[in-house]
Amino acid sequence: MTALPDDDAVREALRQVDDPEAGMNIVELGLVYAIELTPDAVAIDLTMTTAACPMADLIVEQARAAVAAIVPAGTRVDVTLVWDPPWTPDKMTGIAREHFGWTS
């Protein structure tokens, strides 16, 4: 059996998923809150920049597909949309802050 990827590999796969409204990937935006790896599953907690995000379902499905592509066949990939703690711009990486011109 092929081993599960590590946390870094899952984050790298999630970098392929862009928030189309922000024009940046969900990792840099700070939307990935948690990744949990078990022998038979990968669980990911994501949030959106706002609860009114019209792209939430699309982003969740793209995240699930991106991770499913790198795990062994039969591995469950659970992506949960969470709202606590609420997202704020301080969760973004330096790359995202630069992209939006929010550097100091």
N, C-alpha and C. Protein backbone atom coordinates (compact mmCIF):
# COMPACT_ATOMS: atom_id res chain seq x y z
N MET A 1 0.83 -1.19 0.00
CA MET A 1 0.00 0.00 0.00
C MET A 1 0.87 1.25 0.00
N THR A 2 0.49 2.24 -0.76
CA THR A 2 1.21 3.50 -0.82
C THR A 2 0.91 4.30 0.44
N ALA A 3 1.92 4.94 0.97
CA ALA A 3 1.75 5.72 2.20
C ALA A 3 1.00 7.01 1.93
N LEU A 4 0.34 7.49 2.98
CA LEU A 4 -0.32 8.79 2.88
C LEU A 4 0.74 9.88 2.75
N PRO A 5 0.40 10.97 2.06
CA PRO A 5 1.34 12.09 2.00
C PRO A 5 1.43 12.75 3.37
N ASP A 6 2.45 13.55 3.57
CA ASP A 6 2.55 14.28 4.83
C ASP A 6 1.81 15.61 4.73
N ASP A 7 1.79 16.34 5.84
CA ASP A 7 1.09 17.62 5.92
C ASP A 7 1.56 18.58 4.83
N ASP A 8 2.86 18.64 4.60
CA ASP A 8 3.40 19.54 3.58
C ASP A 8 2.90 19.19 2.18
N ALA A 9 2.82 17.91 1.88
CA ALA A 9 2.34 17.48 0.56
C ALA A 9 0.87 17.83 0.38
N VAL A 10 0.08 17.70 1.45
CA VAL A 10 -1.33 18.06 1.37
C VAL A 10 -1.47 19.57 1.15
N ARG A 11 -0.68 20.36 1.88
CA ARG A 11 -0.71 21.82 1.68
C ARG A 11 -0.31 22.19 0.26
N GLU A 12 0.69 21.49 -0.27
CA GLU A 12 1.13 21.77 -1.63
C GLU A 12 0.01 21.46 -2.63
N ALA A 13 -0.71 20.37 -2.42
CA ALA A 13 -1.85 20.05 -3.29
C ALA A 13 -2.92 21.12 -3.18
N LEU A 14 -3.16 21.61 -1.97
CA LEU A 14 -4.18 22.64 -1.76
C LEU A 14 -3.78 23.98 -2.38
N ARG A 15 -2.50 24.18 -2.62
CA ARG A 15 -2.06 25.41 -3.29
C ARG A 15 -2.57 25.48 -4.74
N GLN A 16 -3.02 24.36 -5.27
CA GLN A 16 -3.59 24.34 -6.62
C GLN A 16 -5.01 24.90 -6.65
N VAL A 17 -5.61 25.10 -5.48
CA VAL A 17 -7.00 25.55 -5.38
C VAL A 17 -7.02 27.06 -5.14
N ASP A 18 -7.56 27.78 -6.11
CA ASP A 18 -7.65 29.24 -6.00
C ASP A 18 -9.04 29.67 -5.56
N ASP A 19 -9.08 30.73 -4.77
CA ASP A 19 -10.33 31.43 -4.52
C ASP A 19 -10.48 32.36 -5.72
N PRO A 20 -11.45 32.09 -6.62
CA PRO A 20 -11.52 32.87 -7.84
C PRO A 20 -11.80 34.35 -7.61
N GLU A 21 -12.45 34.68 -6.52
CA GLU A 21 -12.72 36.10 -6.25
C GLU A 21 -11.47 36.83 -5.80
N ALA A 22 -10.59 36.13 -5.07
CA ALA A 22 -9.36 36.75 -4.58
C ALA A 22 -8.21 36.60 -5.57
N GLY A 23 -8.29 35.60 -6.45
CA GLY A 23 -7.23 35.37 -7.41
C GLY A 23 -5.96 34.83 -6.77
N MET A 24 -6.12 34.08 -5.71
CA MET A 24 -4.96 33.53 -4.99
C MET A 24 -5.37 32.18 -4.38
N ASN A 25 -4.38 31.32 -4.13
CA ASN A 25 -4.69 30.00 -3.60
C ASN A 25 -5.11 30.05 -2.13
N ILE A 26 -5.84 29.03 -1.72
CA ILE A 26 -6.45 29.01 -0.38
C ILE A 26 -5.43 28.86 0.74
N VAL A 27 -4.25 28.32 0.45
CA VAL A 27 -3.22 28.20 1.48
C VAL A 27 -2.65 29.59 1.80
N GLU A 28 -2.27 30.33 0.75
CA GLU A 28 -1.70 31.66 0.97
C GLU A 28 -2.71 32.61 1.61
N LEU A 29 -4.00 32.42 1.28
CA LEU A 29 -5.04 33.27 1.86
C LEU A 29 -5.31 32.95 3.33
N GLY A 30 -4.76 31.83 3.81
CA GLY A 30 -4.98 31.46 5.20
C GLY A 30 -6.33 30.80 5.44
N LEU A 31 -6.89 30.19 4.41
CA LEU A 31 -8.20 29.54 4.53
C LEU A 31 -8.12 28.11 5.03
N VAL A 32 -6.93 27.51 5.04
CA VAL A 32 -6.74 26.13 5.53
C VAL A 32 -6.42 26.21 7.02
N TYR A 33 -7.35 25.77 7.84
CA TYR A 33 -7.18 25.85 9.29
C TYR A 33 -6.51 24.61 9.88
N ALA A 34 -6.82 23.43 9.34
CA ALA A 34 -6.27 22.21 9.94
C ALA A 34 -6.20 21.10 8.90
N ILE A 35 -5.19 20.25 9.07
CA ILE A 35 -5.04 19.03 8.27
C ILE A 35 -4.75 17.91 9.25
N GLU A 36 -5.55 16.86 9.20
CA GLU A 36 -5.32 15.71 10.06
C GLU A 36 -5.20 14.46 9.20
N LEU A 37 -4.10 13.75 9.38
CA LEU A 37 -3.84 12.53 8.62
C LEU A 37 -3.99 11.32 9.52
N THR A 38 -4.81 10.36 9.10
CA THR A 38 -4.93 9.09 9.79
C THR A 38 -4.63 8.01 8.76
N PRO A 39 -4.48 6.75 9.18
CA PRO A 39 -4.13 5.71 8.20
C PRO A 39 -5.10 5.56 7.03
N ASP A 40 -6.37 5.90 7.22
CA ASP A 40 -7.34 5.70 6.15
C ASP A 40 -8.05 6.97 5.69
N ALA A 41 -7.63 8.14 6.20
CA ALA A 41 -8.36 9.36 5.84
C ALA A 41 -7.48 10.60 5.98
N VAL A 42 -7.88 11.62 5.25
CA VAL A 42 -7.31 12.95 5.40
C VAL A 42 -8.49 13.87 5.70
N ALA A 43 -8.40 14.60 6.81
CA ALA A 43 -9.45 15.54 7.19
C ALA A 43 -8.88 16.95 7.12
N ILE A 44 -9.62 17.82 6.48
CA ILE A 44 -9.18 19.20 6.28
C ILE A 44 -10.29 20.14 6.74
N ASP A 45 -9.92 21.12 7.55
CA ASP A 45 -10.83 22.19 7.93
C ASP A 45 -10.47 23.42 7.13
N LEU A 46 -11.46 23.95 6.41
CA LEU A 46 -11.29 25.17 5.62
C LEU A 46 -12.28 26.21 6.11
N THR A 47 -11.97 27.44 5.84
CA THR A 47 -12.92 28.52 6.05
C THR A 47 -12.95 29.36 4.78
N MET A 48 -13.83 30.31 4.75
CA MET A 48 -13.91 31.27 3.65
C MET A 48 -13.67 32.66 4.25
N THR A 49 -13.38 33.62 3.40
CA THR A 49 -13.16 34.98 3.91
C THR A 49 -14.45 35.57 4.46
N THR A 50 -15.59 35.06 4.00
CA THR A 50 -16.89 35.51 4.49
C THR A 50 -17.88 34.36 4.37
N ALA A 51 -18.84 34.31 5.28
CA ALA A 51 -19.86 33.26 5.23
C ALA A 51 -20.75 33.41 3.99
N ALA A 52 -20.74 34.58 3.38
CA ALA A 52 -21.54 34.82 2.19
C ALA A 52 -20.80 34.48 0.90
N CYS A 53 -19.64 33.85 1.01
CA CYS A 53 -18.83 33.54 -0.18
C CYS A 53 -19.62 32.66 -1.15
N PRO A 54 -19.88 33.15 -2.36
CA PRO A 54 -20.64 32.36 -3.32
C PRO A 54 -19.83 31.20 -3.91
N MET A 55 -18.53 31.18 -3.69
CA MET A 55 -17.67 30.15 -4.27
C MET A 55 -17.35 29.03 -3.27
N ALA A 56 -17.94 29.04 -2.10
CA ALA A 56 -17.57 28.08 -1.04
C ALA A 56 -17.70 26.63 -1.51
N ASP A 57 -18.84 26.26 -2.09
CA ASP A 57 -19.03 24.87 -2.52
C ASP A 57 -18.00 24.47 -3.56
N LEU A 58 -17.73 25.34 -4.51
CA LEU A 58 -16.73 25.06 -5.55
C LEU A 58 -15.34 24.87 -4.93
N ILE A 59 -14.97 25.75 -4.02
CA ILE A 59 -13.64 25.67 -3.38
C ILE A 59 -13.51 24.40 -2.57
N VAL A 60 -14.54 24.03 -1.82
CA VAL A 60 -14.51 22.80 -1.02
C VAL A 60 -14.34 21.60 -1.95
N GLU A 61 -15.08 21.54 -3.04
CA GLU A 61 -14.97 20.42 -3.96
C GLU A 61 -13.61 20.37 -4.64
N GLN A 62 -13.07 21.52 -5.02
CA GLN A 62 -11.74 21.55 -5.63
C GLN A 62 -10.67 21.11 -4.63
N ALA A 63 -10.82 21.49 -3.37
CA ALA A 63 -9.87 21.07 -2.34
C ALA A 63 -9.92 19.56 -2.18
N ARG A 64 -11.13 19.01 -2.12
CA ARG A 64 -11.28 17.55 -1.98
C ARG A 64 -10.62 16.84 -3.16
N ALA A 65 -10.86 17.33 -4.37
CA ALA A 65 -10.31 16.70 -5.57
C ALA A 65 -8.78 16.80 -5.60
N ALA A 66 -8.23 17.95 -5.21
CA ALA A 66 -6.78 18.13 -5.22
C ALA A 66 -6.09 17.17 -4.28
N VAL A 67 -6.67 16.96 -3.11
CA VAL A 67 -6.06 16.04 -2.13
C VAL A 67 -6.32 14.59 -2.55
N ALA A 68 -7.50 14.30 -3.04
CA ALA A 68 -7.80 12.93 -3.49
C ALA A 68 -6.82 12.47 -4.56
N ALA A 69 -6.32 13.41 -5.35
CA ALA A 69 -5.39 13.06 -6.43
C ALA A 69 -4.02 12.62 -5.92
N ILE A 70 -3.69 12.92 -4.66
CA ILE A 70 -2.36 12.56 -4.16
C ILE A 70 -2.36 11.49 -3.08
N VAL A 71 -3.54 11.00 -2.71
CA VAL A 71 -3.60 9.95 -1.67
C VAL A 71 -3.87 8.60 -2.33
N PRO A 72 -3.54 7.52 -1.62
CA PRO A 72 -3.81 6.19 -2.18
C PRO A 72 -5.30 5.99 -2.44
N ALA A 73 -5.59 5.19 -3.46
CA ALA A 73 -6.99 4.88 -3.78
C ALA A 73 -7.68 4.31 -2.54
N GLY A 74 -8.91 4.73 -2.33
CA GLY A 74 -9.68 4.24 -1.19
C GLY A 74 -9.53 5.09 0.06
N THR A 75 -8.61 6.06 0.04
CA THR A 75 -8.43 6.94 1.20
C THR A 75 -9.55 7.97 1.21
N ARG A 76 -10.20 8.10 2.34
CA ARG A 76 -11.28 9.08 2.48
C ARG A 76 -10.68 10.48 2.61
N VAL A 77 -11.26 11.44 1.91
CA VAL A 77 -10.84 12.83 2.02
C VAL A 77 -12.07 13.62 2.48
N ASP A 78 -12.00 14.12 3.69
CA ASP A 78 -13.10 14.89 4.27
C ASP A 78 -12.69 16.35 4.36
N VAL A 79 -13.46 17.21 3.73
CA VAL A 79 -13.21 18.65 3.79
C VAL A 79 -14.41 19.27 4.49
N THR A 80 -14.14 19.92 5.61
CA THR A 80 -15.20 20.53 6.41
C THR A 80 -15.04 22.04 6.39
N LEU A 81 -16.13 22.72 6.13
CA LEU A 81 -16.15 24.18 6.15
C LEU A 81 -16.45 24.62 7.58
N VAL A 82 -15.55 25.41 8.15
CA VAL A 82 -15.70 25.87 9.54
C VAL A 82 -15.72 27.39 9.58
N TRP A 83 -16.31 27.92 10.63
CA TRP A 83 -16.42 29.38 10.75
C TRP A 83 -15.81 29.91 12.04
N ASP A 84 -15.23 29.01 12.84
CA ASP A 84 -14.65 29.42 14.11
C ASP A 84 -13.22 28.91 14.17
N PRO A 85 -12.24 29.76 14.30
CA PRO A 85 -12.38 31.21 14.46
C PRO A 85 -12.67 31.88 13.11
N PRO A 86 -13.32 33.03 13.14
CA PRO A 86 -13.59 33.73 11.89
C PRO A 86 -12.29 34.11 11.20
N TRP A 87 -12.31 34.07 9.88
CA TRP A 87 -11.13 34.45 9.10
C TRP A 87 -10.92 35.96 9.21
N THR A 88 -9.65 36.33 9.30
CA THR A 88 -9.26 37.73 9.24
C THR A 88 -8.01 37.82 8.36
N PRO A 89 -7.70 38.99 7.81
CA PRO A 89 -6.54 39.11 6.93
C PRO A 89 -5.21 38.74 7.59
N ASP A 90 -5.14 38.75 8.93
CA ASP A 90 -3.88 38.38 9.58
C ASP A 90 -3.54 36.91 9.41
N LYS A 91 -4.47 36.10 8.90
CA LYS A 91 -4.21 34.67 8.65
C LYS A 91 -3.49 34.45 7.31
N MET A 92 -3.40 35.50 6.48
CA MET A 92 -2.76 35.39 5.18
C MET A 92 -1.24 35.31 5.34
N THR A 93 -0.60 34.67 4.39
CA THR A 93 0.86 34.62 4.38
C THR A 93 1.42 35.95 3.86
N GLY A 94 2.71 36.13 4.02
CA GLY A 94 3.37 37.31 3.49
C GLY A 94 3.20 37.43 1.98
N ILE A 95 3.18 36.30 1.29
CA ILE A 95 2.98 36.30 -0.16
C ILE A 95 1.63 36.91 -0.51
N ALA A 96 0.60 36.52 0.22
CA ALA A 96 -0.74 37.06 -0.03
C ALA A 96 -0.80 38.54 0.32
N ARG A 97 -0.17 38.90 1.42
CA ARG A 97 -0.18 40.34 1.81
C ARG A 97 0.48 41.19 0.71
N GLU A 98 1.59 40.70 0.17
CA GLU A 98 2.27 41.41 -0.92
C GLU A 98 1.39 41.49 -2.15
N HIS A 99 0.73 40.38 -2.46
CA HIS A 99 -0.15 40.33 -3.64
C HIS A 99 -1.22 41.42 -3.57
N PHE A 100 -1.75 41.65 -2.39
CA PHE A 100 -2.80 42.65 -2.22
C PHE A 100 -2.26 44.03 -1.84
N GLY A 101 -0.93 44.14 -1.76
CA GLY A 101 -0.32 45.43 -1.43
C GLY A 101 -0.48 45.80 0.03
N TRP A 102 -0.59 44.79 0.90
CA TRP A 102 -0.80 45.03 2.33
C TRP A 102 0.48 44.85 3.13
N THR A 103 1.59 45.25 2.58
CA THR A 103 2.86 45.14 3.30
C THR A 103 3.12 46.44 4.04
N SER A 104 3.84 46.32 5.13
CA SER A 104 4.13 47.55 5.88
C SER A 104 5.60 47.85 5.86
